[in-house]
Amino acid sequence: LAPHEAAWLASLLRQPDVQLARWRDTAA
């Protein structure tokens, strides 16, 4: 993983399903 990819995965730990749904919908 690149550093930004690892940081993105770490951000999922807060609310993984909510964050993934947002990512799928908006790519943000």
mmCIF file of all heavy atoms, coordinates in Angstrom:
data_MODEL
# 
_entry.id   MODEL 
# 
loop_
_atom_site.group_PDB 
_atom_site.id 
_atom_site.type_symbol 
_atom_site.label_atom_id 
_atom_site.label_alt_id 
_atom_site.label_comp_id 
_atom_site.label_asym_id 
_atom_site.label_entity_id 
_atom_site.label_seq_id 
_atom_site.pdbx_PDB_ins_code 
_atom_site.Cartn_x 
_atom_site.Cartn_y 
_atom_site.Cartn_z 
_atom_site.occupancy 
_atom_site.B_iso_or_equiv 
_atom_site.pdbx_formal_charge 
_atom_site.auth_seq_id 
_atom_site.auth_comp_id 
_atom_site.auth_asym_id 
_atom_site.auth_atom_id 
_atom_site.pdbx_PDB_model_num 
ATOM 1   N N   . LEU A 1 1  ? 0.816   -1.207 0.000  1.00 0.00 ? 1  LEU A N   1 
ATOM 2   C CA  . LEU A 1 1  ? 0.000   0.000  0.000  1.00 0.00 ? 1  LEU A CA  1 
ATOM 3   C C   . LEU A 1 1  ? 0.851   1.259  0.000  1.00 0.00 ? 1  LEU A C   1 
ATOM 4   O O   . LEU A 1 1  ? 1.874   1.340  0.673  1.00 0.00 ? 1  LEU A O   1 
ATOM 5   C CB  . LEU A 1 1  ? -0.917  0.037  1.226  1.00 0.00 ? 1  LEU A CB  1 
ATOM 6   C CG  . LEU A 1 1  ? -2.008  -1.019 1.314  1.00 0.00 ? 1  LEU A CG  1 
ATOM 7   C CD1 . LEU A 1 1  ? -2.770  -0.865 2.617  1.00 0.00 ? 1  LEU A CD1 1 
ATOM 8   C CD2 . LEU A 1 1  ? -2.938  -0.952 0.118  1.00 0.00 ? 1  LEU A CD2 1 
ATOM 9   N N   . ALA A 1 2  ? 0.372   2.247  -0.721 1.00 0.00 ? 2  ALA A N   1 
ATOM 10  C CA  . ALA A 1 2  ? 0.967   3.579  -0.645 1.00 0.00 ? 2  ALA A CA  1 
ATOM 11  C C   . ALA A 1 2  ? 0.474   4.219  0.658  1.00 0.00 ? 2  ALA A C   1 
ATOM 12  O O   . ALA A 1 2  ? -0.559  3.821  1.199  1.00 0.00 ? 2  ALA A O   1 
ATOM 13  C CB  . ALA A 1 2  ? 0.524   4.410  -1.841 1.00 0.00 ? 2  ALA A CB  1 
ATOM 14  N N   . PRO A 1 3  ? 1.181   5.210  1.166  1.00 0.00 ? 3  PRO A N   1 
ATOM 15  C CA  . PRO A 1 3  ? 0.745   5.847  2.412  1.00 0.00 ? 3  PRO A CA  1 
ATOM 16  C C   . PRO A 1 3  ? -0.695  6.355  2.379  1.00 0.00 ? 3  PRO A C   1 
ATOM 17  O O   . PRO A 1 3  ? -1.434  6.189  3.348  1.00 0.00 ? 3  PRO A O   1 
ATOM 18  C CB  . PRO A 1 3  ? 1.743   6.997  2.598  1.00 0.00 ? 3  PRO A CB  1 
ATOM 19  C CG  . PRO A 1 3  ? 2.984   6.504  1.916  1.00 0.00 ? 3  PRO A CG  1 
ATOM 20  C CD  . PRO A 1 3  ? 2.481   5.726  0.726  1.00 0.00 ? 3  PRO A CD  1 
ATOM 21  N N   . HIS A 1 4  ? -1.125  6.951  1.274  1.00 0.00 ? 4  HIS A N   1 
ATOM 22  C CA  . HIS A 1 4  ? -2.502  7.460  1.209  1.00 0.00 ? 4  HIS A CA  1 
ATOM 23  C C   . HIS A 1 4  ? -3.518  6.318  1.199  1.00 0.00 ? 4  HIS A C   1 
ATOM 24  O O   . HIS A 1 4  ? -4.615  6.467  1.726  1.00 0.00 ? 4  HIS A O   1 
ATOM 25  C CB  . HIS A 1 4  ? -2.690  8.388  0.002  1.00 0.00 ? 4  HIS A CB  1 
ATOM 26  C CG  . HIS A 1 4  ? -2.709  7.701  -1.318 1.00 0.00 ? 4  HIS A CG  1 
ATOM 27  N ND1 . HIS A 1 4  ? -1.561  7.342  -1.986 1.00 0.00 ? 4  HIS A ND1 1 
ATOM 28  C CD2 . HIS A 1 4  ? -3.751  7.288  -2.092 1.00 0.00 ? 4  HIS A CD2 1 
ATOM 29  C CE1 . HIS A 1 4  ? -1.894  6.748  -3.118 1.00 0.00 ? 4  HIS A CE1 1 
ATOM 30  N NE2 . HIS A 1 4  ? -3.214  6.697  -3.206 1.00 0.00 ? 4  HIS A NE2 1 
ATOM 31  N N   . GLU A 1 5  ? -3.165  5.169  0.654  1.00 0.00 ? 5  GLU A N   1 
ATOM 32  C CA  . GLU A 1 5  ? -4.062  4.017  0.675  1.00 0.00 ? 5  GLU A CA  1 
ATOM 33  C C   . GLU A 1 5  ? -4.190  3.459  2.095  1.00 0.00 ? 5  GLU A C   1 
ATOM 34  O O   . GLU A 1 5  ? -5.284  3.117  2.542  1.00 0.00 ? 5  GLU A O   1 
ATOM 35  C CB  . GLU A 1 5  ? -3.569  2.936  -0.273 1.00 0.00 ? 5  GLU A CB  1 
ATOM 36  C CG  . GLU A 1 5  ? -3.633  3.348  -1.725 1.00 0.00 ? 5  GLU A CG  1 
ATOM 37  C CD  . GLU A 1 5  ? -2.925  2.395  -2.657 1.00 0.00 ? 5  GLU A CD  1 
ATOM 38  O OE1 . GLU A 1 5  ? -1.862  1.843  -2.283 1.00 0.00 ? 5  GLU A OE1 1 
ATOM 39  O OE2 . GLU A 1 5  ? -3.428  2.197  -3.772 1.00 0.00 ? 5  GLU A OE2 1 
ATOM 40  N N   . ALA A 1 6  ? -3.076  3.379  2.801  1.00 0.00 ? 6  ALA A N   1 
ATOM 41  C CA  . ALA A 1 6  ? -3.108  2.910  4.189  1.00 0.00 ? 6  ALA A CA  1 
ATOM 42  C C   . ALA A 1 6  ? -3.916  3.862  5.064  1.00 0.00 ? 6  ALA A C   1 
ATOM 43  O O   . ALA A 1 6  ? -4.692  3.422  5.921  1.00 0.00 ? 6  ALA A O   1 
ATOM 44  C CB  . ALA A 1 6  ? -1.675  2.775  4.722  1.00 0.00 ? 6  ALA A CB  1 
ATOM 45  N N   . ALA A 1 7  ? -3.773  5.158  4.824  1.00 0.00 ? 7  ALA A N   1 
ATOM 46  C CA  . ALA A 1 7  ? -4.545  6.146  5.586  1.00 0.00 ? 7  ALA A CA  1 
ATOM 47  C C   . ALA A 1 7  ? -6.031  5.992  5.296  1.00 0.00 ? 7  ALA A C   1 
ATOM 48  O O   . ALA A 1 7  ? -6.863  6.098  6.200  1.00 0.00 ? 7  ALA A O   1 
ATOM 49  C CB  . ALA A 1 7  ? -4.071  7.562  5.252  1.00 0.00 ? 7  ALA A CB  1 
ATOM 50  N N   . TRP A 1 8  ? -6.389  5.745  4.041  1.00 0.00 ? 8  TRP A N   1 
ATOM 51  C CA  . TRP A 1 8  ? -7.793  5.546  3.697  1.00 0.00 ? 8  TRP A CA  1 
ATOM 52  C C   . TRP A 1 8  ? -8.359  4.323  4.411  1.00 0.00 ? 8  TRP A C   1 
ATOM 53  O O   . TRP A 1 8  ? -9.434  4.384  4.987  1.00 0.00 ? 8  TRP A O   1 
ATOM 54  C CB  . TRP A 1 8  ? -7.965  5.409  2.181  1.00 0.00 ? 8  TRP A CB  1 
ATOM 55  C CG  . TRP A 1 8  ? -9.383  5.185  1.802  1.00 0.00 ? 8  TRP A CG  1 
ATOM 56  C CD1 . TRP A 1 8  ? -10.381 6.112  1.804  1.00 0.00 ? 8  TRP A CD1 1 
ATOM 57  C CD2 . TRP A 1 8  ? -9.983  3.956  1.418  1.00 0.00 ? 8  TRP A CD2 1 
ATOM 58  N NE1 . TRP A 1 8  ? -11.571 5.527  1.423  1.00 0.00 ? 8  TRP A NE1 1 
ATOM 59  C CE2 . TRP A 1 8  ? -11.347 4.208  1.176  1.00 0.00 ? 8  TRP A CE2 1 
ATOM 60  C CE3 . TRP A 1 8  ? -9.500  2.666  1.227  1.00 0.00 ? 8  TRP A CE3 1 
ATOM 61  C CZ2 . TRP A 1 8  ? -12.232 3.218  0.766  1.00 0.00 ? 8  TRP A CZ2 1 
ATOM 62  C CZ3 . TRP A 1 8  ? -10.382 1.679  0.817  1.00 0.00 ? 8  TRP A CZ3 1 
ATOM 63  C CH2 . TRP A 1 8  ? -11.729 1.967  0.595  1.00 0.00 ? 8  TRP A CH2 1 
ATOM 64  N N   . LEU A 1 9  ? -7.612  3.219  4.407  1.00 0.00 ? 9  LEU A N   1 
ATOM 65  C CA  . LEU A 1 9  ? -8.078  2.036  5.134  1.00 0.00 ? 9  LEU A CA  1 
ATOM 66  C C   . LEU A 1 9  ? -8.250  2.342  6.615  1.00 0.00 ? 9  LEU A C   1 
ATOM 67  O O   . LEU A 1 9  ? -9.222  1.922  7.231  1.00 0.00 ? 9  LEU A O   1 
ATOM 68  C CB  . LEU A 1 9  ? -7.115  0.862  4.952  1.00 0.00 ? 9  LEU A CB  1 
ATOM 69  C CG  . LEU A 1 9  ? -7.248  0.064  3.673  1.00 0.00 ? 9  LEU A CG  1 
ATOM 70  C CD1 . LEU A 1 9  ? -6.230  -1.072 3.662  1.00 0.00 ? 9  LEU A CD1 1 
ATOM 71  C CD2 . LEU A 1 9  ? -8.644  -0.480 3.473  1.00 0.00 ? 9  LEU A CD2 1 
ATOM 72  N N   . ALA A 1 10 ? -7.311  3.059  7.188  1.00 0.00 ? 10 ALA A N   1 
ATOM 73  C CA  . ALA A 1 10 ? -7.413  3.405  8.606  1.00 0.00 ? 10 ALA A CA  1 
ATOM 74  C C   . ALA A 1 10 ? -8.659  4.248  8.868  1.00 0.00 ? 10 ALA A C   1 
ATOM 75  O O   . ALA A 1 10 ? -9.313  4.090  9.905  1.00 0.00 ? 10 ALA A O   1 
ATOM 76  C CB  . ALA A 1 10 ? -6.158  4.156  9.056  1.00 0.00 ? 10 ALA A CB  1 
ATOM 77  N N   . SER A 1 11 ? -9.033  5.101  7.917  1.00 0.00 ? 11 SER A N   1 
ATOM 78  C CA  . SER A 1 11 ? -10.223 5.927  8.109  1.00 0.00 ? 11 SER A CA  1 
ATOM 79  C C   . SER A 1 11 ? -11.496 5.094  8.141  1.00 0.00 ? 11 SER A C   1 
ATOM 80  O O   . SER A 1 11 ? -12.497 5.513  8.704  1.00 0.00 ? 11 SER A O   1 
ATOM 81  C CB  . SER A 1 11 ? -10.328 6.992  7.011  1.00 0.00 ? 11 SER A CB  1 
ATOM 82  O OG  . SER A 1 11 ? -10.795 6.434  5.791  1.00 0.00 ? 11 SER A OG  1 
ATOM 83  N N   . LEU A 1 12 ? -11.478 3.925  7.562  1.00 0.00 ? 12 LEU A N   1 
ATOM 84  C CA  . LEU A 1 12 ? -12.654 3.057  7.566  1.00 0.00 ? 12 LEU A CA  1 
ATOM 85  C C   . LEU A 1 12 ? -12.953 2.490  8.947  1.00 0.00 ? 12 LEU A C   1 
ATOM 86  O O   . LEU A 1 12 ? -14.085 2.090  9.214  1.00 0.00 ? 12 LEU A O   1 
ATOM 87  C CB  . LEU A 1 12 ? -12.465 1.885  6.594  1.00 0.00 ? 12 LEU A CB  1 
ATOM 88  C CG  . LEU A 1 12 ? -12.378 2.214  5.118  1.00 0.00 ? 12 LEU A CG  1 
ATOM 89  C CD1 . LEU A 1 12 ? -12.173 0.928  4.318  1.00 0.00 ? 12 LEU A CD1 1 
ATOM 90  C CD2 . LEU A 1 12 ? -13.597 2.958  4.641  1.00 0.00 ? 12 LEU A CD2 1 
ATOM 91  N N   . LEU A 1 13 ? -11.975 2.447  9.805  1.00 0.00 ? 13 LEU A N   1 
ATOM 92  C CA  . LEU A 1 13 ? -12.169 1.835  11.128 1.00 0.00 ? 13 LEU A CA  1 
ATOM 93  C C   . LEU A 1 13 ? -13.219 2.555  11.962 1.00 0.00 ? 13 LEU A C   1 
ATOM 94  O O   . LEU A 1 13 ? -13.840 1.951  12.819 1.00 0.00 ? 13 LEU A O   1 
ATOM 95  C CB  . LEU A 1 13 ? -10.847 1.775  11.892 1.00 0.00 ? 13 LEU A CB  1 
ATOM 96  C CG  . LEU A 1 13 ? -9.859  0.748  11.360 1.00 0.00 ? 13 LEU A CG  1 
ATOM 97  C CD1 . LEU A 1 13 ? -8.517  0.923  12.039 1.00 0.00 ? 13 LEU A CD1 1 
ATOM 98  C CD2 . LEU A 1 13 ? -10.396 -0.655 11.545 1.00 0.00 ? 13 LEU A CD2 1 
ATOM 99  N N   . ARG A 1 14 ? -13.425 3.818  11.715 1.00 0.00 ? 14 ARG A N   1 
ATOM 100 C CA  . ARG A 1 14 ? -14.393 4.590  12.505 1.00 0.00 ? 14 ARG A CA  1 
ATOM 101 C C   . ARG A 1 14 ? -15.813 4.053  12.304 1.00 0.00 ? 14 ARG A C   1 
ATOM 102 O O   . ARG A 1 14 ? -16.519 3.804  13.263 1.00 0.00 ? 14 ARG A O   1 
ATOM 103 C CB  . ARG A 1 14 ? -14.300 6.063  12.152 1.00 0.00 ? 14 ARG A CB  1 
ATOM 104 C CG  . ARG A 1 14 ? -15.177 6.922  13.028 1.00 0.00 ? 14 ARG A CG  1 
ATOM 105 C CD  . ARG A 1 14 ? -14.961 8.376  12.795 1.00 0.00 ? 14 ARG A CD  1 
ATOM 106 N NE  . ARG A 1 14 ? -15.196 8.686  11.391 1.00 0.00 ? 14 ARG A NE  1 
ATOM 107 C CZ  . ARG A 1 14 ? -14.895 9.830  10.816 1.00 0.00 ? 14 ARG A CZ  1 
ATOM 108 N NH1 . ARG A 1 14 ? -14.327 10.767 11.514 1.00 0.00 ? 14 ARG A NH1 1 
ATOM 109 N NH2 . ARG A 1 14 ? -15.151 10.045 9.558  1.00 0.00 ? 14 ARG A NH2 1 
ATOM 110 N N   . GLN A 1 15 ? -16.249 3.923  11.094 1.00 0.00 ? 15 GLN A N   1 
ATOM 111 C CA  . GLN A 1 15 ? -17.581 3.393  10.750 1.00 0.00 ? 15 GLN A CA  1 
ATOM 112 C C   . GLN A 1 15 ? -17.453 2.728  9.380  1.00 0.00 ? 15 GLN A C   1 
ATOM 113 O O   . GLN A 1 15 ? -17.837 3.321  8.370  1.00 0.00 ? 15 GLN A O   1 
ATOM 114 C CB  . GLN A 1 15 ? -18.629 4.497  10.675 1.00 0.00 ? 15 GLN A CB  1 
ATOM 115 C CG  . GLN A 1 15 ? -18.931 5.161  11.987 1.00 0.00 ? 15 GLN A CG  1 
ATOM 116 C CD  . GLN A 1 15 ? -19.930 6.285  11.792 1.00 0.00 ? 15 GLN A CD  1 
ATOM 117 O OE1 . GLN A 1 15 ? -19.793 7.100  10.879 1.00 0.00 ? 15 GLN A OE1 1 
ATOM 118 N NE2 . GLN A 1 15 ? -20.929 6.323  12.632 1.00 0.00 ? 15 GLN A NE2 1 
ATOM 119 N N   . PRO A 1 16 ? -16.921 1.526  9.328  1.00 0.00 ? 16 PRO A N   1 
ATOM 120 C CA  . PRO A 1 16 ? -16.575 0.949  8.026  1.00 0.00 ? 16 PRO A CA  1 
ATOM 121 C C   . PRO A 1 16 ? -17.728 0.867  7.033  1.00 0.00 ? 16 PRO A C   1 
ATOM 122 O O   . PRO A 1 16 ? -17.568 1.255  5.878  1.00 0.00 ? 16 PRO A O   1 
ATOM 123 C CB  . PRO A 1 16 ? -16.025 -0.433 8.362  1.00 0.00 ? 16 PRO A CB  1 
ATOM 124 C CG  . PRO A 1 16 ? -16.282 -0.664 9.790  1.00 0.00 ? 16 PRO A CG  1 
ATOM 125 C CD  . PRO A 1 16 ? -16.606 0.644  10.426 1.00 0.00 ? 16 PRO A CD  1 
ATOM 126 N N   . ASP A 1 17 ? -18.879 0.403  7.435  1.00 0.00 ? 17 ASP A N   1 
ATOM 127 C CA  . ASP A 1 17 ? -19.971 0.255  6.475  1.00 0.00 ? 17 ASP A CA  1 
ATOM 128 C C   . ASP A 1 17 ? -20.479 1.604  5.972  1.00 0.00 ? 17 ASP A C   1 
ATOM 129 O O   . ASP A 1 17 ? -20.786 1.760  4.787  1.00 0.00 ? 17 ASP A O   1 
ATOM 130 C CB  . ASP A 1 17 ? -21.106 -0.583 7.066  1.00 0.00 ? 17 ASP A CB  1 
ATOM 131 C CG  . ASP A 1 17 ? -20.687 -2.031 7.270  1.00 0.00 ? 17 ASP A CG  1 
ATOM 132 O OD1 . ASP A 1 17 ? -19.976 -2.568 6.392  1.00 0.00 ? 17 ASP A OD1 1 
ATOM 133 O OD2 . ASP A 1 17 ? -21.051 -2.616 8.298  1.00 0.00 ? 17 ASP A OD2 1 
ATOM 134 N N   . VAL A 1 18 ? -20.544 2.591  6.854  1.00 0.00 ? 18 VAL A N   1 
ATOM 135 C CA  . VAL A 1 18 ? -20.981 3.935  6.460  1.00 0.00 ? 18 VAL A CA  1 
ATOM 136 C C   . VAL A 1 18 ? -19.954 4.554  5.511  1.00 0.00 ? 18 VAL A C   1 
ATOM 137 O O   . VAL A 1 18 ? -20.304 5.122  4.467  1.00 0.00 ? 18 VAL A O   1 
ATOM 138 C CB  . VAL A 1 18 ? -21.191 4.834  7.702  1.00 0.00 ? 18 VAL A CB  1 
ATOM 139 C CG1 . VAL A 1 18 ? -21.433 6.280  7.310  1.00 0.00 ? 18 VAL A CG1 1 
ATOM 140 C CG2 . VAL A 1 18 ? -22.322 4.298  8.548  1.00 0.00 ? 18 VAL A CG2 1 
ATOM 141 N N   . GLN A 1 19 ? -18.688 4.456  5.865  1.00 0.00 ? 19 GLN A N   1 
ATOM 142 C CA  . GLN A 1 19 ? -17.631 5.033  5.031  1.00 0.00 ? 19 GLN A CA  1 
ATOM 143 C C   . GLN A 1 19 ? -17.569 4.362  3.656  1.00 0.00 ? 19 GLN A C   1 
ATOM 144 O O   . GLN A 1 19 ? -17.400 5.031  2.637  1.00 0.00 ? 19 GLN A O   1 
ATOM 145 C CB  . GLN A 1 19 ? -16.273 4.914  5.729  1.00 0.00 ? 19 GLN A CB  1 
ATOM 146 C CG  . GLN A 1 19 ? -16.162 5.655  7.028  1.00 0.00 ? 19 GLN A CG  1 
ATOM 147 C CD  . GLN A 1 19 ? -16.240 7.156  6.852  1.00 0.00 ? 19 GLN A CD  1 
ATOM 148 O OE1 . GLN A 1 19 ? -16.030 7.692  5.765  1.00 0.00 ? 19 GLN A OE1 1 
ATOM 149 N NE2 . GLN A 1 19 ? -16.563 7.865  7.915  1.00 0.00 ? 19 GLN A NE2 1 
ATOM 150 N N   . LEU A 1 20 ? -17.721 3.047  3.628  1.00 0.00 ? 20 LEU A N   1 
ATOM 151 C CA  . LEU A 1 20 ? -17.686 2.335  2.349  1.00 0.00 ? 20 LEU A CA  1 
ATOM 152 C C   . LEU A 1 20 ? -18.884 2.691  1.470  1.00 0.00 ? 20 LEU A C   1 
ATOM 153 O O   . LEU A 1 20 ? -18.743 2.828  0.255  1.00 0.00 ? 20 LEU A O   1 
ATOM 154 C CB  . LEU A 1 20 ? -17.617 0.828  2.575  1.00 0.00 ? 20 LEU A CB  1 
ATOM 155 C CG  . LEU A 1 20 ? -16.255 0.320  3.049  1.00 0.00 ? 20 LEU A CG  1 
ATOM 156 C CD1 . LEU A 1 20 ? -16.371 -1.101 3.557  1.00 0.00 ? 20 LEU A CD1 1 
ATOM 157 C CD2 . LEU A 1 20 ? -15.229 0.427  1.933  1.00 0.00 ? 20 LEU A CD2 1 
ATOM 158 N N   . ALA A 1 21 ? -20.045 2.855  2.066  1.00 0.00 ? 21 ALA A N   1 
ATOM 159 C CA  . ALA A 1 21 ? -21.222 3.252  1.295  1.00 0.00 ? 21 ALA A CA  1 
ATOM 160 C C   . ALA A 1 21 ? -20.997 4.628  0.674  1.00 0.00 ? 21 ALA A C   1 
ATOM 161 O O   . ALA A 1 21 ? -21.314 4.857  -0.498 1.00 0.00 ? 21 ALA A O   1 
ATOM 162 C CB  . ALA A 1 21 ? -22.463 3.264  2.186  1.00 0.00 ? 21 ALA A CB  1 
ATOM 163 N N   . ARG A 1 22 ? -20.430 5.538  1.447  1.00 0.00 ? 22 ARG A N   1 
ATOM 164 C CA  . ARG A 1 22 ? -20.146 6.878  0.922  1.00 0.00 ? 22 ARG A CA  1 
ATOM 165 C C   . ARG A 1 22 ? -19.137 6.802  -0.209 1.00 0.00 ? 22 ARG A C   1 
ATOM 166 O O   . ARG A 1 22 ? -19.284 7.447  -1.240 1.00 0.00 ? 22 ARG A O   1 
ATOM 167 C CB  . ARG A 1 22 ? -19.621 7.785  2.039  1.00 0.00 ? 22 ARG A CB  1 
ATOM 168 C CG  . ARG A 1 22 ? -19.351 9.191  1.579  1.00 0.00 ? 22 ARG A CG  1 
ATOM 169 C CD  . ARG A 1 22 ? -19.028 10.105 2.765  1.00 0.00 ? 22 ARG A CD  1 
ATOM 170 N NE  . ARG A 1 22 ? -18.972 11.474 2.344  1.00 0.00 ? 22 ARG A NE  1 
ATOM 171 C CZ  . ARG A 1 22 ? -17.849 12.088 1.986  1.00 0.00 ? 22 ARG A CZ  1 
ATOM 172 N NH1 . ARG A 1 22 ? -16.701 11.461 2.020  1.00 0.00 ? 22 ARG A NH1 1 
ATOM 173 N NH2 . ARG A 1 22 ? -17.864 13.345 1.598  1.00 0.00 ? 22 ARG A NH2 1 
ATOM 174 N N   . TRP A 1 23 ? -18.096 5.998  -0.035 1.00 0.00 ? 23 TRP A N   1 
ATOM 175 C CA  . TRP A 1 23 ? -17.074 5.837  -1.053 1.00 0.00 ? 23 TRP A CA  1 
ATOM 176 C C   . TRP A 1 23 ? -17.668 5.263  -2.333 1.00 0.00 ? 23 TRP A C   1 
ATOM 177 O O   . TRP A 1 23 ? -17.382 5.719  -3.417 1.00 0.00 ? 23 TRP A O   1 
ATOM 178 C CB  . TRP A 1 23 ? -15.958 4.948  -0.503 1.00 0.00 ? 23 TRP A CB  1 
ATOM 179 C CG  . TRP A 1 23 ? -14.915 4.557  -1.504 1.00 0.00 ? 23 TRP A CG  1 
ATOM 180 C CD1 . TRP A 1 23 ? -14.054 5.381  -2.159 1.00 0.00 ? 23 TRP A CD1 1 
ATOM 181 C CD2 . TRP A 1 23 ? -14.623 3.235  -1.930 1.00 0.00 ? 23 TRP A CD2 1 
ATOM 182 N NE1 . TRP A 1 23 ? -13.241 4.643  -2.976 1.00 0.00 ? 23 TRP A NE1 1 
ATOM 183 C CE2 . TRP A 1 23 ? -13.571 3.321  -2.850 1.00 0.00 ? 23 TRP A CE2 1 
ATOM 184 C CE3 . TRP A 1 23 ? -15.151 1.985  -1.623 1.00 0.00 ? 23 TRP A CE3 1 
ATOM 185 C CZ2 . TRP A 1 23 ? -13.030 2.205  -3.469 1.00 0.00 ? 23 TRP A CZ2 1 
ATOM 186 C CZ3 . TRP A 1 23 ? -14.610 0.878  -2.233 1.00 0.00 ? 23 TRP A CZ3 1 
ATOM 187 C CH2 . TRP A 1 23 ? -13.566 0.992  -3.157 1.00 0.00 ? 23 TRP A CH2 1 
ATOM 188 N N   . ARG A 1 24 ? -18.528 4.262  -2.204 1.00 0.00 ? 24 ARG A N   1 
ATOM 189 C CA  . ARG A 1 24 ? -19.165 3.659  -3.378 1.00 0.00 ? 24 ARG A CA  1 
ATOM 190 C C   . ARG A 1 24 ? -20.046 4.678  -4.110 1.00 0.00 ? 24 ARG A C   1 
ATOM 191 O O   . ARG A 1 24 ? -20.098 4.698  -5.330 1.00 0.00 ? 24 ARG A O   1 
ATOM 192 C CB  . ARG A 1 24 ? -20.009 2.457  -2.961 1.00 0.00 ? 24 ARG A CB  1 
ATOM 193 C CG  . ARG A 1 24 ? -19.200 1.232  -2.699 1.00 0.00 ? 24 ARG A CG  1 
ATOM 194 C CD  . ARG A 1 24 ? -20.130 0.035  -2.476 1.00 0.00 ? 24 ARG A CD  1 
ATOM 195 N NE  . ARG A 1 24 ? -19.491 -0.959 -1.658 1.00 0.00 ? 24 ARG A NE  1 
ATOM 196 C CZ  . ARG A 1 24 ? -19.759 -1.219 -0.376 1.00 0.00 ? 24 ARG A CZ  1 
ATOM 197 N NH1 . ARG A 1 24 ? -20.726 -0.580 0.232  1.00 0.00 ? 24 ARG A NH1 1 
ATOM 198 N NH2 . ARG A 1 24 ? -19.098 -2.126 0.269  1.00 0.00 ? 24 ARG A NH2 1 
ATOM 199 N N   . ASP A 1 25 ? -20.742 5.511  -3.344 1.00 0.00 ? 25 ASP A N   1 
ATOM 200 C CA  . ASP A 1 25 ? -21.674 6.476  -3.946 1.00 0.00 ? 25 ASP A CA  1 
ATOM 201 C C   . ASP A 1 25 ? -20.984 7.695  -4.554 1.00 0.00 ? 25 ASP A C   1 
ATOM 202 O O   . ASP A 1 25 ? -21.430 8.217  -5.564 1.00 0.00 ? 25 ASP A O   1 
ATOM 203 C CB  . ASP A 1 25 ? -22.699 6.950  -2.910 1.00 0.00 ? 25 ASP A CB  1 
ATOM 204 C CG  . ASP A 1 25 ? -23.657 5.855  -2.479 1.00 0.00 ? 25 ASP A CG  1 
ATOM 205 O OD1 . ASP A 1 25 ? -23.760 4.828  -3.182 1.00 0.00 ? 25 ASP A OD1 1 
ATOM 206 O OD2 . ASP A 1 25 ? -24.294 6.031  -1.428 1.00 0.00 ? 25 ASP A OD2 1 
ATOM 207 N N   . THR A 1 26 ? -19.939 8.163  -3.897 1.00 0.00 ? 26 THR A N   1 
ATOM 208 C CA  . THR A 1 26 ? -19.335 9.435  -4.305 1.00 0.00 ? 26 THR A CA  1 
ATOM 209 C C   . THR A 1 26 ? -17.860 9.359  -4.675 1.00 0.00 ? 26 THR A C   1 
ATOM 210 O O   . THR A 1 26 ? -17.312 10.345 -5.154 1.00 0.00 ? 26 THR A O   1 
ATOM 211 C CB  . THR A 1 26 ? -19.471 10.472 -3.172 1.00 0.00 ? 26 THR A CB  1 
ATOM 212 O OG1 . THR A 1 26 ? -18.663 10.040 -2.064 1.00 0.00 ? 26 THR A OG1 1 
ATOM 213 C CG2 . THR A 1 26 ? -20.911 10.662 -2.738 1.00 0.00 ? 26 THR A CG2 1 
ATOM 214 N N   . ALA A 1 27 ? -17.227 8.245  -4.396 1.00 0.00 ? 27 ALA A N   1 
ATOM 215 C CA  . ALA A 1 27 ? -15.776 8.087  -4.584 1.00 0.00 ? 27 ALA A CA  1 
ATOM 216 C C   . ALA A 1 27 ? -15.002 9.068  -3.719 1.00 0.00 ? 27 ALA A C   1 
ATOM 217 O O   . ALA A 1 27 ? -13.849 9.368  -3.982 1.00 0.00 ? 27 ALA A O   1 
ATOM 218 C CB  . ALA A 1 27 ? -15.377 8.207  -6.042 1.00 0.00 ? 27 ALA A CB  1 
ATOM 219 N N   . ALA A 1 28 ? -15.640 9.583  -2.664 1.00 0.00 ? 28 ALA A N   1 
ATOM 220 C CA  . ALA A 1 28 ? -15.002 10.543 -1.764 1.00 0.00 ? 28 ALA A CA  1 
ATOM 221 C C   . ALA A 1 28 ? -14.680 9.879  -0.429 1.00 0.00 ? 28 ALA A C   1 
ATOM 222 O O   . ALA A 1 28 ? -15.362 8.970  -0.017 1.00 0.00 ? 28 ALA A O   1 
ATOM 223 C CB  . ALA A 1 28 ? -15.906 11.744 -1.532 1.00 0.00 ? 28 ALA A CB  1 
# 
